[in-house]
Amino acid sequence: MDMKKRRDMQLLYVTDEAIMEEQSVCRKKLQKLNFADRSNFDEIAEIVKDLLGKSGKDCTINPPFYCDYGSHIEVGENFFANYNCTIIDVARVKIGNNCFMAPNVAIYTAGHPVHPDTRNTMFEYGKEVTIGDNVWLGGNTVVCPGVHIGDNVVIGAGSVVTKDIPDWSIAAGNPCRVIRKITEDDRKKVFHKEEIDEEAWDLIYDMRTGSNILL
């Protein structure tokens, strides 16, 4: 079995010439993305579309952005990754619709054997990461290999997510733990106990009911 196939089956593999060629293609695209005119949003959007394996409508990445392959990353509609996002996509990274990533978010699929004698053989592995719909990852969040984050989740800034997070959760910490569930009481909350002001709430209501009040 060749190393690319072993990698894609989430088995131990060694980075050989064929894998390095894939990474070389990705790095050329990253070079274009990370040195593009930051005010040329259309050009950036085209590069991102070419870089990622799959991207939905309104997919936005603020450079700089870093990954190993790009082709192993799938994102849904209305995706936003802020500055300095890193996705080590040795294995597949699948992200749902309406997901936001604050600055310095890192998603890692790559891992190495624990024992140094084994690790020094240069064998490594990748374990896929999945993130559901309507997820917000706070700044400096790290998502570790093999983690699955459910739908409608908020991860607090600075968290290290080592285990799965269930739907409708607010979770934070190192290691990241569920703090509480998101409930109907949170619908009008904006910052701690502060509530959305009435003018903004009216606009939100109109947007959700299909009005073009903001246009």
N, C-alpha and C. Protein backbone atom coordinates (compact mmCIF):
# COMPACT_ATOMS: atom_id res chain seq x y z
N MET A 1 0.85 -1.19 0.00
CA MET A 1 0.00 0.00 0.00
C MET A 1 0.89 1.25 0.00
N ASP A 2 0.62 2.19 -0.93
CA ASP A 2 1.47 3.37 -0.98
C ASP A 2 1.13 4.32 0.18
N MET A 3 2.03 5.29 0.41
CA MET A 3 1.91 6.14 1.58
C MET A 3 0.70 7.07 1.50
N LYS A 4 0.35 7.54 0.30
CA LYS A 4 -0.82 8.39 0.16
C LYS A 4 -2.09 7.64 0.56
N LYS A 5 -2.17 6.39 0.16
CA LYS A 5 -3.35 5.59 0.52
C LYS A 5 -3.38 5.34 2.02
N ARG A 6 -2.22 5.05 2.62
CA ARG A 6 -2.16 4.84 4.06
C ARG A 6 -2.60 6.13 4.79
N ARG A 7 -2.09 7.25 4.32
CA ARG A 7 -2.49 8.53 4.93
C ARG A 7 -3.99 8.73 4.88
N ASP A 8 -4.58 8.50 3.71
CA ASP A 8 -6.00 8.75 3.51
C ASP A 8 -6.87 7.74 4.26
N MET A 9 -6.30 6.61 4.65
CA MET A 9 -7.02 5.63 5.47
C MET A 9 -6.80 5.88 6.97
N GLN A 10 -6.13 6.98 7.30
CA GLN A 10 -5.84 7.36 8.68
C GLN A 10 -4.94 6.34 9.39
N LEU A 11 -4.02 5.73 8.59
CA LEU A 11 -3.02 4.82 9.12
C LEU A 11 -1.68 5.54 9.22
N LEU A 12 -0.74 4.92 9.93
CA LEU A 12 0.61 5.48 9.96
C LEU A 12 1.20 5.54 8.55
N TYR A 13 1.88 6.62 8.26
CA TYR A 13 2.50 6.79 6.96
C TYR A 13 3.74 7.67 7.11
N VAL A 14 4.56 7.67 6.07
CA VAL A 14 5.73 8.54 6.00
C VAL A 14 5.55 9.49 4.82
N THR A 15 5.90 10.74 5.00
CA THR A 15 5.81 11.72 3.92
C THR A 15 6.87 11.41 2.87
N ASP A 16 6.43 10.93 1.72
CA ASP A 16 7.36 10.59 0.64
C ASP A 16 7.28 11.64 -0.47
N GLU A 17 7.91 11.36 -1.59
CA GLU A 17 7.99 12.33 -2.67
C GLU A 17 6.62 12.69 -3.23
N ALA A 18 5.74 11.69 -3.35
CA ALA A 18 4.40 11.94 -3.89
C ALA A 18 3.59 12.85 -2.97
N ILE A 19 3.73 12.65 -1.67
CA ILE A 19 3.02 13.50 -0.71
C ILE A 19 3.61 14.90 -0.71
N MET A 20 4.93 15.00 -0.81
CA MET A 20 5.56 16.31 -0.86
C MET A 20 5.10 17.09 -2.09
N GLU A 21 4.85 16.41 -3.19
CA GLU A 21 4.37 17.08 -4.40
C GLU A 21 2.99 17.68 -4.15
N GLU A 22 2.13 16.95 -3.46
CA GLU A 22 0.81 17.49 -3.12
C GLU A 22 0.94 18.74 -2.24
N GLN A 23 1.85 18.68 -1.28
CA GLN A 23 2.05 19.83 -0.41
C GLN A 23 2.64 21.02 -1.18
N SER A 24 3.47 20.73 -2.16
CA SER A 24 4.05 21.79 -2.97
C SER A 24 2.98 22.54 -3.74
N VAL A 25 2.02 21.82 -4.30
CA VAL A 25 0.90 22.45 -5.00
C VAL A 25 0.14 23.37 -4.07
N CYS A 26 -0.13 22.88 -2.86
CA CYS A 26 -0.84 23.68 -1.86
C CYS A 26 -0.06 24.93 -1.49
N ARG A 27 1.23 24.81 -1.32
CA ARG A 27 2.04 25.96 -0.89
C ARG A 27 2.07 27.05 -1.96
N LYS A 28 2.02 26.67 -3.21
CA LYS A 28 1.96 27.67 -4.27
C LYS A 28 0.66 28.47 -4.19
N LYS A 29 -0.43 27.77 -3.88
CA LYS A 29 -1.71 28.46 -3.73
C LYS A 29 -1.72 29.34 -2.49
N LEU A 30 -1.11 28.87 -1.41
CA LEU A 30 -1.02 29.68 -0.20
C LEU A 30 -0.16 30.91 -0.43
N GLN A 31 0.88 30.77 -1.23
CA GLN A 31 1.72 31.92 -1.56
C GLN A 31 0.88 33.01 -2.23
N LYS A 32 0.03 32.60 -3.17
CA LYS A 32 -0.84 33.55 -3.84
C LYS A 32 -1.82 34.18 -2.86
N LEU A 33 -2.41 33.35 -2.00
CA LEU A 33 -3.40 33.85 -1.04
C LEU A 33 -2.79 34.81 -0.04
N ASN A 34 -1.68 34.43 0.53
CA ASN A 34 -1.11 35.21 1.63
C ASN A 34 -0.36 36.46 1.19
N PHE A 35 -0.12 36.57 -0.12
CA PHE A 35 0.53 37.78 -0.63
C PHE A 35 -0.39 38.55 -1.60
N ALA A 36 -1.65 38.17 -1.63
CA ALA A 36 -2.62 38.89 -2.46
C ALA A 36 -2.91 40.26 -1.85
N ASP A 37 -3.38 41.17 -2.67
CA ASP A 37 -3.84 42.47 -2.20
C ASP A 37 -5.01 42.24 -1.25
N ARG A 38 -4.83 42.61 0.02
CA ARG A 38 -5.85 42.32 1.04
C ARG A 38 -7.17 43.04 0.78
N SER A 39 -7.14 44.06 -0.06
CA SER A 39 -8.38 44.76 -0.38
C SER A 39 -9.09 44.19 -1.60
N ASN A 40 -8.46 43.22 -2.27
CA ASN A 40 -9.06 42.61 -3.45
C ASN A 40 -9.83 41.36 -3.03
N PHE A 41 -11.03 41.57 -2.54
CA PHE A 41 -11.80 40.48 -1.96
C PHE A 41 -12.20 39.44 -3.01
N ASP A 42 -12.44 39.88 -4.23
CA ASP A 42 -12.82 38.93 -5.28
C ASP A 42 -11.67 37.98 -5.61
N GLU A 43 -10.45 38.51 -5.70
CA GLU A 43 -9.29 37.66 -5.97
C GLU A 43 -9.06 36.67 -4.85
N ILE A 44 -9.17 37.14 -3.61
CA ILE A 44 -8.98 36.26 -2.47
C ILE A 44 -10.02 35.14 -2.49
N ALA A 45 -11.26 35.49 -2.80
CA ALA A 45 -12.33 34.49 -2.84
C ALA A 45 -12.05 33.42 -3.89
N GLU A 46 -11.52 33.83 -5.05
CA GLU A 46 -11.20 32.86 -6.11
C GLU A 46 -10.06 31.93 -5.69
N ILE A 47 -9.06 32.48 -5.02
CA ILE A 47 -7.94 31.64 -4.56
C ILE A 47 -8.42 30.64 -3.52
N VAL A 48 -9.26 31.11 -2.61
CA VAL A 48 -9.80 30.22 -1.56
C VAL A 48 -10.61 29.10 -2.19
N LYS A 49 -11.43 29.44 -3.18
CA LYS A 49 -12.24 28.42 -3.86
C LYS A 49 -11.36 27.36 -4.51
N ASP A 50 -10.24 27.79 -5.09
CA ASP A 50 -9.31 26.86 -5.74
C ASP A 50 -8.53 26.04 -4.71
N LEU A 51 -8.26 26.64 -3.55
CA LEU A 51 -7.45 25.99 -2.53
C LEU A 51 -8.19 24.87 -1.82
N LEU A 52 -9.43 25.13 -1.44
CA LEU A 52 -10.16 24.17 -0.60
C LEU A 52 -10.75 23.04 -1.44
N GLY A 53 -10.89 21.89 -0.81
CA GLY A 53 -11.49 20.76 -1.50
C GLY A 53 -12.95 20.99 -1.83
N LYS A 54 -13.65 21.69 -0.94
CA LYS A 54 -15.06 22.00 -1.15
C LYS A 54 -15.39 23.24 -0.35
N SER A 55 -16.09 24.18 -0.98
CA SER A 55 -16.49 25.39 -0.26
C SER A 55 -17.86 25.82 -0.73
N GLY A 56 -18.69 26.22 0.24
CA GLY A 56 -20.03 26.67 -0.07
C GLY A 56 -20.08 28.14 -0.42
N LYS A 57 -21.29 28.64 -0.61
CA LYS A 57 -21.50 30.04 -0.94
C LYS A 57 -21.03 30.94 0.20
N ASP A 58 -20.45 32.08 -0.17
CA ASP A 58 -20.00 33.08 0.81
C ASP A 58 -18.97 32.51 1.79
N CYS A 59 -17.93 31.95 1.24
CA CYS A 59 -16.81 31.42 2.03
C CYS A 59 -15.71 32.47 2.08
N THR A 60 -15.35 32.92 3.29
CA THR A 60 -14.39 34.00 3.45
C THR A 60 -13.25 33.59 4.36
N ILE A 61 -12.01 33.82 3.91
CA ILE A 61 -10.83 33.61 4.75
C ILE A 61 -10.00 34.89 4.71
N ASN A 62 -9.69 35.42 5.87
CA ASN A 62 -8.80 36.58 5.95
C ASN A 62 -7.35 36.09 6.03
N PRO A 63 -6.53 36.38 5.03
CA PRO A 63 -5.12 35.97 5.11
C PRO A 63 -4.40 36.68 6.26
N PRO A 64 -3.35 36.08 6.82
CA PRO A 64 -2.72 34.84 6.35
C PRO A 64 -3.48 33.60 6.82
N PHE A 65 -3.37 32.57 6.01
CA PHE A 65 -4.01 31.28 6.28
C PHE A 65 -2.99 30.20 5.94
N TYR A 66 -3.02 29.11 6.70
CA TYR A 66 -2.03 28.05 6.51
C TYR A 66 -2.70 26.67 6.56
N CYS A 67 -2.27 25.79 5.66
CA CYS A 67 -2.72 24.40 5.68
C CYS A 67 -1.68 23.55 4.96
N ASP A 68 -1.85 22.23 5.00
CA ASP A 68 -0.90 21.34 4.34
C ASP A 68 -1.32 20.97 2.92
N TYR A 69 -2.62 20.78 2.72
CA TYR A 69 -3.11 20.32 1.42
C TYR A 69 -4.22 21.19 0.86
N GLY A 70 -5.10 21.66 1.71
CA GLY A 70 -6.25 22.42 1.26
C GLY A 70 -7.34 21.54 0.70
N SER A 71 -6.96 20.59 -0.13
CA SER A 71 -7.92 19.69 -0.77
C SER A 71 -8.63 18.78 0.24
N HIS A 72 -8.10 18.66 1.44
CA HIS A 72 -8.73 17.83 2.47
C HIS A 72 -9.69 18.63 3.34
N ILE A 73 -9.90 19.90 3.02
CA ILE A 73 -10.75 20.77 3.82
C ILE A 73 -12.07 21.00 3.08
N GLU A 74 -13.18 20.74 3.78
CA GLU A 74 -14.51 20.99 3.24
C GLU A 74 -15.24 21.96 4.17
N VAL A 75 -15.75 23.04 3.62
CA VAL A 75 -16.51 24.00 4.43
C VAL A 75 -17.86 24.26 3.77
N GLY A 76 -18.85 24.56 4.60
CA GLY A 76 -20.20 24.82 4.10
C GLY A 76 -20.40 26.28 3.75
N GLU A 77 -21.66 26.67 3.66
CA GLU A 77 -22.00 28.03 3.30
C GLU A 77 -21.73 28.99 4.47
N ASN A 78 -21.46 30.25 4.10
CA ASN A 78 -21.30 31.33 5.08
C ASN A 78 -20.20 31.00 6.09
N PHE A 79 -19.07 30.53 5.57
CA PHE A 79 -17.91 30.21 6.42
C PHE A 79 -17.01 31.44 6.52
N PHE A 80 -16.50 31.69 7.73
CA PHE A 80 -15.59 32.82 7.93
C PHE A 80 -14.45 32.41 8.84
N ALA A 81 -13.22 32.55 8.35
CA ALA A 81 -12.03 32.31 9.16
C ALA A 81 -11.24 33.61 9.23
N ASN A 82 -11.02 34.10 10.44
CA ASN A 82 -10.30 35.36 10.62
C ASN A 82 -8.79 35.13 10.52
N TYR A 83 -8.04 36.19 10.72
CA TYR A 83 -6.59 36.18 10.48
C TYR A 83 -5.86 35.04 11.20
N ASN A 84 -4.87 34.51 10.48
CA ASN A 84 -3.90 33.58 11.07
C ASN A 84 -4.52 32.25 11.48
N CYS A 85 -5.45 31.77 10.68
CA CYS A 85 -6.03 30.44 10.91
C CYS A 85 -5.09 29.38 10.33
N THR A 86 -4.92 28.29 11.07
CA THR A 86 -4.09 27.17 10.63
C THR A 86 -4.91 25.88 10.68
N ILE A 87 -4.97 25.18 9.57
CA ILE A 87 -5.65 23.88 9.52
C ILE A 87 -4.66 22.85 8.97
N ILE A 88 -4.17 21.98 9.84
CA ILE A 88 -3.24 20.92 9.42
C ILE A 88 -4.10 19.75 8.95
N ASP A 89 -4.35 19.70 7.66
CA ASP A 89 -5.35 18.79 7.10
C ASP A 89 -4.71 17.52 6.52
N VAL A 90 -3.94 16.82 7.35
CA VAL A 90 -3.44 15.50 6.95
C VAL A 90 -4.62 14.57 6.69
N ALA A 91 -5.60 14.59 7.60
CA ALA A 91 -6.87 13.91 7.40
C ALA A 91 -7.92 14.96 7.04
N ARG A 92 -9.10 14.49 6.69
CA ARG A 92 -10.16 15.40 6.27
C ARG A 92 -10.62 16.28 7.43
N VAL A 93 -10.88 17.53 7.11
CA VAL A 93 -11.51 18.47 8.04
C VAL A 93 -12.82 18.91 7.39
N LYS A 94 -13.93 18.57 8.01
CA LYS A 94 -15.24 18.90 7.45
C LYS A 94 -15.95 19.87 8.38
N ILE A 95 -16.33 21.03 7.85
CA ILE A 95 -16.93 22.11 8.63
C ILE A 95 -18.27 22.46 8.00
N GLY A 96 -19.30 22.62 8.83
CA GLY A 96 -20.65 22.84 8.34
C GLY A 96 -20.94 24.27 7.93
N ASN A 97 -22.23 24.58 7.84
CA ASN A 97 -22.68 25.91 7.44
C ASN A 97 -22.62 26.90 8.60
N ASN A 98 -22.44 28.16 8.26
CA ASN A 98 -22.51 29.26 9.24
C ASN A 98 -21.51 29.08 10.39
N CYS A 99 -20.28 28.77 10.04
CA CYS A 99 -19.24 28.60 11.06
C CYS A 99 -18.27 29.77 11.02
N PHE A 100 -17.97 30.29 12.21
CA PHE A 100 -17.08 31.44 12.36
C PHE A 100 -15.86 31.03 13.17
N MET A 101 -14.70 31.49 12.73
CA MET A 101 -13.46 31.24 13.45
C MET A 101 -12.77 32.56 13.74
N ALA A 102 -12.53 32.84 15.00
CA ALA A 102 -11.85 34.06 15.40
C ALA A 102 -10.36 33.96 15.05
N PRO A 103 -9.57 35.03 15.24
CA PRO A 103 -8.15 34.97 14.90
C PRO A 103 -7.40 33.87 15.65
N ASN A 104 -6.41 33.33 14.96
CA ASN A 104 -5.46 32.37 15.55
C ASN A 104 -6.07 31.02 15.91
N VAL A 105 -7.18 30.67 15.29
CA VAL A 105 -7.73 29.32 15.49
C VAL A 105 -6.84 28.31 14.78
N ALA A 106 -6.63 27.16 15.42
CA ALA A 106 -5.82 26.09 14.83
C ALA A 106 -6.58 24.76 14.93
N ILE A 107 -6.66 24.07 13.82
CA ILE A 107 -7.28 22.74 13.77
C ILE A 107 -6.21 21.76 13.32
N TYR A 108 -5.94 20.79 14.15
CA TYR A 108 -4.88 19.82 13.87
C TYR A 108 -5.47 18.44 13.67
N THR A 109 -5.13 17.79 12.56
CA THR A 109 -5.49 16.38 12.38
C THR A 109 -4.27 15.48 12.53
N ALA A 110 -3.08 16.05 12.48
CA ALA A 110 -1.84 15.26 12.47
C ALA A 110 -1.44 14.83 13.87
N GLY A 111 -0.89 13.63 13.95
CA GLY A 111 -0.36 13.13 15.22
C GLY A 111 0.87 12.27 14.99
N HIS A 112 1.58 11.97 16.07
CA HIS A 112 2.82 11.20 16.01
C HIS A 112 2.84 10.18 17.14
N PRO A 113 3.53 9.06 16.95
CA PRO A 113 3.64 8.09 18.03
C PRO A 113 4.23 8.70 19.29
N VAL A 114 3.82 8.18 20.44
CA VAL A 114 4.25 8.73 21.73
C VAL A 114 5.70 8.36 22.04
N HIS A 115 6.07 7.11 21.81
CA HIS A 115 7.41 6.66 22.17
C HIS A 115 8.44 7.27 21.22
N PRO A 116 9.53 7.85 21.72
CA PRO A 116 10.48 8.54 20.84
C PRO A 116 11.12 7.64 19.79
N ASP A 117 11.40 6.38 20.13
CA ASP A 117 12.02 5.49 19.15
C ASP A 117 11.11 5.30 17.94
N THR A 118 9.81 5.16 18.19
CA THR A 118 8.85 5.01 17.10
C THR A 118 8.64 6.34 16.38
N ARG A 119 8.53 7.41 17.14
CA ARG A 119 8.29 8.73 16.55
C ARG A 119 9.44 9.14 15.64
N ASN A 120 10.66 8.80 16.00
CA ASN A 120 11.83 9.21 15.23
C ASN A 120 12.00 8.47 13.91
N THR A 121 11.15 7.48 13.66
CA THR A 121 11.14 6.83 12.34
C THR A 121 10.47 7.72 11.29
N MET A 122 9.85 8.83 11.73
CA MET A 122 9.15 9.79 10.88
C MET A 122 7.77 9.32 10.45
N PHE A 123 7.30 8.22 11.03
CA PHE A 123 5.92 7.84 10.78
C PHE A 123 4.99 8.78 11.53
N GLU A 124 3.88 9.11 10.91
CA GLU A 124 2.86 9.95 11.53
C GLU A 124 1.49 9.46 11.08
N TYR A 125 0.44 10.15 11.53
CA TYR A 125 -0.92 9.75 11.15
C TYR A 125 -1.81 10.99 11.16
N GLY A 126 -3.00 10.84 10.59
CA GLY A 126 -4.00 11.90 10.65
C GLY A 126 -5.34 11.32 11.06
N LYS A 127 -6.07 12.04 11.90
CA LYS A 127 -7.40 11.64 12.34
C LYS A 127 -8.36 12.80 12.06
N GLU A 128 -9.44 12.51 11.35
CA GLU A 128 -10.30 13.57 10.84
C GLU A 128 -10.99 14.35 11.95
N VAL A 129 -11.27 15.60 11.65
CA VAL A 129 -11.99 16.51 12.53
C VAL A 129 -13.28 16.93 11.83
N THR A 130 -14.40 16.91 12.54
CA THR A 130 -15.65 17.39 11.99
C THR A 130 -16.23 18.46 12.91
N ILE A 131 -16.78 19.50 12.29
CA ILE A 131 -17.41 20.59 13.01
C ILE A 131 -18.77 20.82 12.37
N GLY A 132 -19.81 20.86 13.18
CA GLY A 132 -21.18 20.94 12.67
C GLY A 132 -21.57 22.32 12.18
N ASP A 133 -22.87 22.54 12.06
CA ASP A 133 -23.41 23.82 11.62
C ASP A 133 -23.48 24.81 12.77
N ASN A 134 -23.38 26.10 12.44
CA ASN A 134 -23.60 27.18 13.41
C ASN A 134 -22.64 27.10 14.60
N VAL A 135 -21.36 26.96 14.29
CA VAL A 135 -20.34 26.85 15.34
C VAL A 135 -19.45 28.09 15.31
N TRP A 136 -19.12 28.58 16.49
CA TRP A 136 -18.22 29.73 16.64
C TRP A 136 -17.05 29.29 17.51
N LEU A 137 -15.85 29.36 16.94
CA LEU A 137 -14.62 29.04 17.67
C LEU A 137 -13.94 30.33 18.06
N GLY A 138 -13.78 30.57 19.37
CA GLY A 138 -13.16 31.79 19.85
C GLY A 138 -11.68 31.85 19.55
N GLY A 139 -11.10 33.04 19.68
CA GLY A 139 -9.70 33.26 19.36
C GLY A 139 -8.75 32.34 20.09
N ASN A 140 -7.72 31.89 19.37
CA ASN A 140 -6.66 31.02 19.92
C ASN A 140 -7.17 29.64 20.35
N THR A 141 -8.32 29.24 19.83
CA THR A 141 -8.81 27.89 20.08
C THR A 141 -7.96 26.88 19.31
N VAL A 142 -7.66 25.75 19.94
CA VAL A 142 -6.98 24.63 19.29
C VAL A 142 -7.91 23.43 19.30
N VAL A 143 -8.13 22.84 18.13
CA VAL A 143 -8.93 21.62 18.01
C VAL A 143 -7.98 20.48 17.66
N CYS A 144 -7.95 19.46 18.50
CA CYS A 144 -6.98 18.37 18.36
C CYS A 144 -7.48 17.26 17.44
N PRO A 145 -6.58 16.36 17.00
CA PRO A 145 -6.96 15.30 16.06
C PRO A 145 -8.11 14.44 16.57
N GLY A 146 -9.01 14.07 15.65
CA GLY A 146 -10.08 13.15 15.95
C GLY A 146 -11.29 13.75 16.64
N VAL A 147 -11.29 15.05 16.89
CA VAL A 147 -12.37 15.69 17.64
C VAL A 147 -13.57 15.94 16.72
N HIS A 148 -14.76 15.76 17.30
CA HIS A 148 -16.01 16.06 16.60
C HIS A 148 -16.79 17.06 17.43
N ILE A 149 -17.08 18.22 16.83
CA ILE A 149 -17.84 19.28 17.49
C ILE A 149 -19.22 19.32 16.85
N GLY A 150 -20.26 19.31 17.68
CA GLY A 150 -21.62 19.23 17.17
C GLY A 150 -22.15 20.53 16.61
N ASP A 151 -23.46 20.58 16.38
CA ASP A 151 -24.12 21.76 15.86
C ASP A 151 -24.39 22.77 16.96
N ASN A 152 -24.42 24.06 16.58
CA ASN A 152 -24.85 25.13 17.49
C ASN A 152 -23.99 25.18 18.75
N VAL A 153 -22.68 25.24 18.54
CA VAL A 153 -21.71 25.21 19.64
C VAL A 153 -20.89 26.49 19.64
N VAL A 154 -20.60 26.99 20.84
CA VAL A 154 -19.66 28.09 21.02
C VAL A 154 -18.48 27.58 21.84
N ILE A 155 -17.26 27.76 21.32
CA ILE A 155 -16.04 27.38 22.04
C ILE A 155 -15.34 28.66 22.49
N GLY A 156 -15.12 28.79 23.79
CA GLY A 156 -14.52 30.01 24.33
C GLY A 156 -13.08 30.20 23.91
N ALA A 157 -12.65 31.45 23.90
CA ALA A 157 -11.29 31.80 23.48
C ALA A 157 -10.24 31.08 24.32
N GLY A 158 -9.17 30.66 23.67
CA GLY A 158 -8.06 30.03 24.36
C GLY A 158 -8.28 28.58 24.71
N SER A 159 -9.34 27.97 24.21
CA SER A 159 -9.64 26.58 24.57
C SER A 159 -8.77 25.60 23.79
N VAL A 160 -8.53 24.44 24.42
CA VAL A 160 -7.87 23.33 23.75
C VAL A 160 -8.85 22.17 23.76
N VAL A 161 -9.42 21.88 22.58
CA VAL A 161 -10.50 20.89 22.48
C VAL A 161 -9.89 19.53 22.19
N THR A 162 -9.92 18.67 23.20
CA THR A 162 -9.31 17.34 23.09
C THR A 162 -10.34 16.23 22.96
N LYS A 163 -11.61 16.54 23.28
CA LYS A 163 -12.68 15.53 23.23
C LYS A 163 -13.89 16.12 22.52
N ASP A 164 -14.80 15.23 22.10
CA ASP A 164 -15.99 15.65 21.38
C ASP A 164 -16.85 16.60 22.21
N ILE A 165 -17.49 17.55 21.53
CA ILE A 165 -18.38 18.51 22.18
C ILE A 165 -19.79 18.31 21.60
N PRO A 166 -20.81 18.10 22.44
CA PRO A 166 -22.16 17.83 21.92
C PRO A 166 -22.86 19.08 21.42
N ASP A 167 -23.96 18.88 20.71
CA ASP A 167 -24.77 19.97 20.17
C ASP A 167 -25.22 20.94 21.27
N TRP A 168 -25.44 22.19 20.85
CA TRP A 168 -26.05 23.21 21.71
C TRP A 168 -25.28 23.43 23.01
N SER A 169 -23.95 23.50 22.90
CA SER A 169 -23.11 23.65 24.09
C SER A 169 -22.28 24.91 24.03
N ILE A 170 -22.05 25.51 25.19
CA ILE A 170 -20.97 26.48 25.39
C ILE A 170 -19.87 25.74 26.13
N ALA A 171 -18.68 25.71 25.56
CA ALA A 171 -17.57 24.96 26.15
C ALA A 171 -16.32 25.82 26.12
N ALA A 172 -15.46 25.61 27.10
CA ALA A 172 -14.22 26.41 27.17
C ALA A 172 -13.23 25.71 28.09
N GLY A 173 -11.98 26.18 28.01
CA GLY A 173 -10.95 25.71 28.94
C GLY A 173 -9.90 24.84 28.30
N ASN A 174 -8.91 24.49 29.12
CA ASN A 174 -7.82 23.62 28.71
C ASN A 174 -7.60 22.57 29.79
N PRO A 175 -8.11 21.33 29.53
CA PRO A 175 -8.83 20.90 28.33
C PRO A 175 -10.25 21.47 28.30
N CYS A 176 -10.80 21.60 27.10
CA CYS A 176 -12.12 22.20 26.91
C CYS A 176 -13.20 21.29 27.49
N ARG A 177 -14.10 21.92 28.27
CA ARG A 177 -15.22 21.20 28.87
C ARG A 177 -16.51 21.98 28.65
N VAL A 178 -17.62 21.26 28.60
CA VAL A 178 -18.92 21.90 28.46
C VAL A 178 -19.24 22.68 29.73
N ILE A 179 -19.57 23.95 29.57
CA ILE A 179 -19.93 24.80 30.70
C ILE A 179 -21.44 24.74 30.93
N ARG A 180 -22.20 24.87 29.85
CA ARG A 180 -23.65 24.78 29.95
C ARG A 180 -24.24 24.61 28.56
N LYS A 181 -25.53 24.36 28.51
CA LYS A 181 -26.25 24.26 27.25
C LYS A 181 -26.73 25.64 26.81
N ILE A 182 -26.84 25.83 25.51
CA ILE A 182 -27.45 27.03 24.95
C ILE A 182 -28.96 26.81 24.93
N THR A 183 -29.73 27.77 25.45
CA THR A 183 -31.17 27.63 25.57
C THR A 183 -31.88 28.82 24.92
N GLU A 184 -33.20 28.79 24.95
CA GLU A 184 -34.01 29.88 24.41
C GLU A 184 -33.73 31.20 25.13
N ASP A 185 -33.32 31.11 26.39
CA ASP A 185 -32.99 32.33 27.15
C ASP A 185 -31.81 33.09 26.54
N ASP A 186 -31.01 32.41 25.72
CA ASP A 186 -29.84 33.05 25.10
C ASP A 186 -30.18 33.80 23.81
N ARG A 187 -31.41 33.69 23.33
CA ARG A 187 -31.75 34.22 22.02
C ARG A 187 -31.47 35.72 21.90
N LYS A 188 -31.72 36.48 22.95
CA LYS A 188 -31.53 37.94 22.89
C LYS A 188 -30.28 38.40 23.63
N LYS A 189 -29.42 37.44 24.04
CA LYS A 189 -28.19 37.80 24.74
C LYS A 189 -27.11 38.16 23.72
N VAL A 190 -26.24 39.13 24.09
CA VAL A 190 -25.19 39.54 23.17
C VAL A 190 -23.81 39.48 23.82
N PHE A 191 -23.67 39.92 25.08
CA PHE A 191 -22.38 39.91 25.76
C PHE A 191 -22.64 39.75 27.24
N HIS A 192 -22.22 38.58 27.78
CA HIS A 192 -22.54 38.24 29.16
C HIS A 192 -24.05 38.36 29.36
N LYS A 193 -24.49 39.22 30.28
CA LYS A 193 -25.93 39.36 30.54
C LYS A 193 -26.57 40.49 29.74
N GLU A 194 -25.76 41.19 28.94
CA GLU A 194 -26.29 42.29 28.14
C GLU A 194 -27.20 41.75 27.05
N GLU A 195 -28.34 42.42 26.84
CA GLU A 195 -29.29 41.99 25.83
C GLU A 195 -29.18 42.86 24.58
N ILE A 196 -29.57 42.29 23.45
CA ILE A 196 -29.58 43.01 22.19
C ILE A 196 -30.53 44.19 22.28
N ASP A 197 -30.09 45.37 21.82
CA ASP A 197 -30.95 46.55 21.88
C ASP A 197 -32.12 46.39 20.92
N GLU A 198 -33.19 47.13 21.16
CA GLU A 198 -34.43 46.95 20.43
C GLU A 198 -34.29 47.25 18.94
N GLU A 199 -33.50 48.28 18.59
CA GLU A 199 -33.33 48.60 17.18
C GLU A 199 -32.67 47.44 16.44
N ALA A 200 -31.58 46.92 17.03
CA ALA A 200 -30.91 45.78 16.40
C ALA A 200 -31.81 44.57 16.36
N TRP A 201 -32.58 44.35 17.42
CA TRP A 201 -33.47 43.18 17.47
C TRP A 201 -34.53 43.26 16.38
N ASP A 202 -35.05 44.47 16.12
CA ASP A 202 -36.04 44.64 15.06
C ASP A 202 -35.42 44.30 13.71
N LEU A 203 -34.18 44.72 13.50
CA LEU A 203 -33.49 44.40 12.24
C LEU A 203 -33.26 42.89 12.11
N ILE A 204 -32.85 42.27 13.19
CA ILE A 204 -32.64 40.82 13.19
C ILE A 204 -33.93 40.10 12.86
N TYR A 205 -35.02 40.56 13.48
CA TYR A 205 -36.33 39.92 13.24
C TYR A 205 -36.72 40.05 11.77
N ASP A 206 -36.52 41.26 11.20
CA ASP A 206 -36.88 41.47 9.80
C ASP A 206 -36.02 40.62 8.88
N MET A 207 -34.73 40.47 9.20
CA MET A 207 -33.85 39.64 8.38
C MET A 207 -34.28 38.18 8.42
N ARG A 208 -34.67 37.71 9.58
CA ARG A 208 -35.08 36.31 9.72
C ARG A 208 -36.42 36.02 9.06
N THR A 209 -37.25 37.06 8.90
CA THR A 209 -38.54 36.87 8.26
C THR A 209 -38.53 37.23 6.79
N GLY A 210 -37.34 37.57 6.27
CA GLY A 210 -37.20 37.77 4.84
C GLY A 210 -37.30 39.18 4.35
N SER A 211 -37.35 40.16 5.24
CA SER A 211 -37.42 41.55 4.82
C SER A 211 -36.04 42.00 4.35
N ASN A 212 -36.02 42.97 3.44
CA ASN A 212 -34.76 43.54 2.94
C ASN A 212 -34.47 44.87 3.59
N ILE A 213 -34.77 45.00 4.86
CA ILE A 213 -34.67 46.29 5.55
C ILE A 213 -33.26 46.85 5.54
N LEU A 214 -32.23 45.99 5.46
CA LEU A 214 -30.85 46.50 5.49
C LEU A 214 -30.35 46.88 4.11
N LEU A 215 -31.11 46.59 3.06
CA LEU A 215 -30.64 46.85 1.69
C LEU A 215 -31.13 48.20 1.20
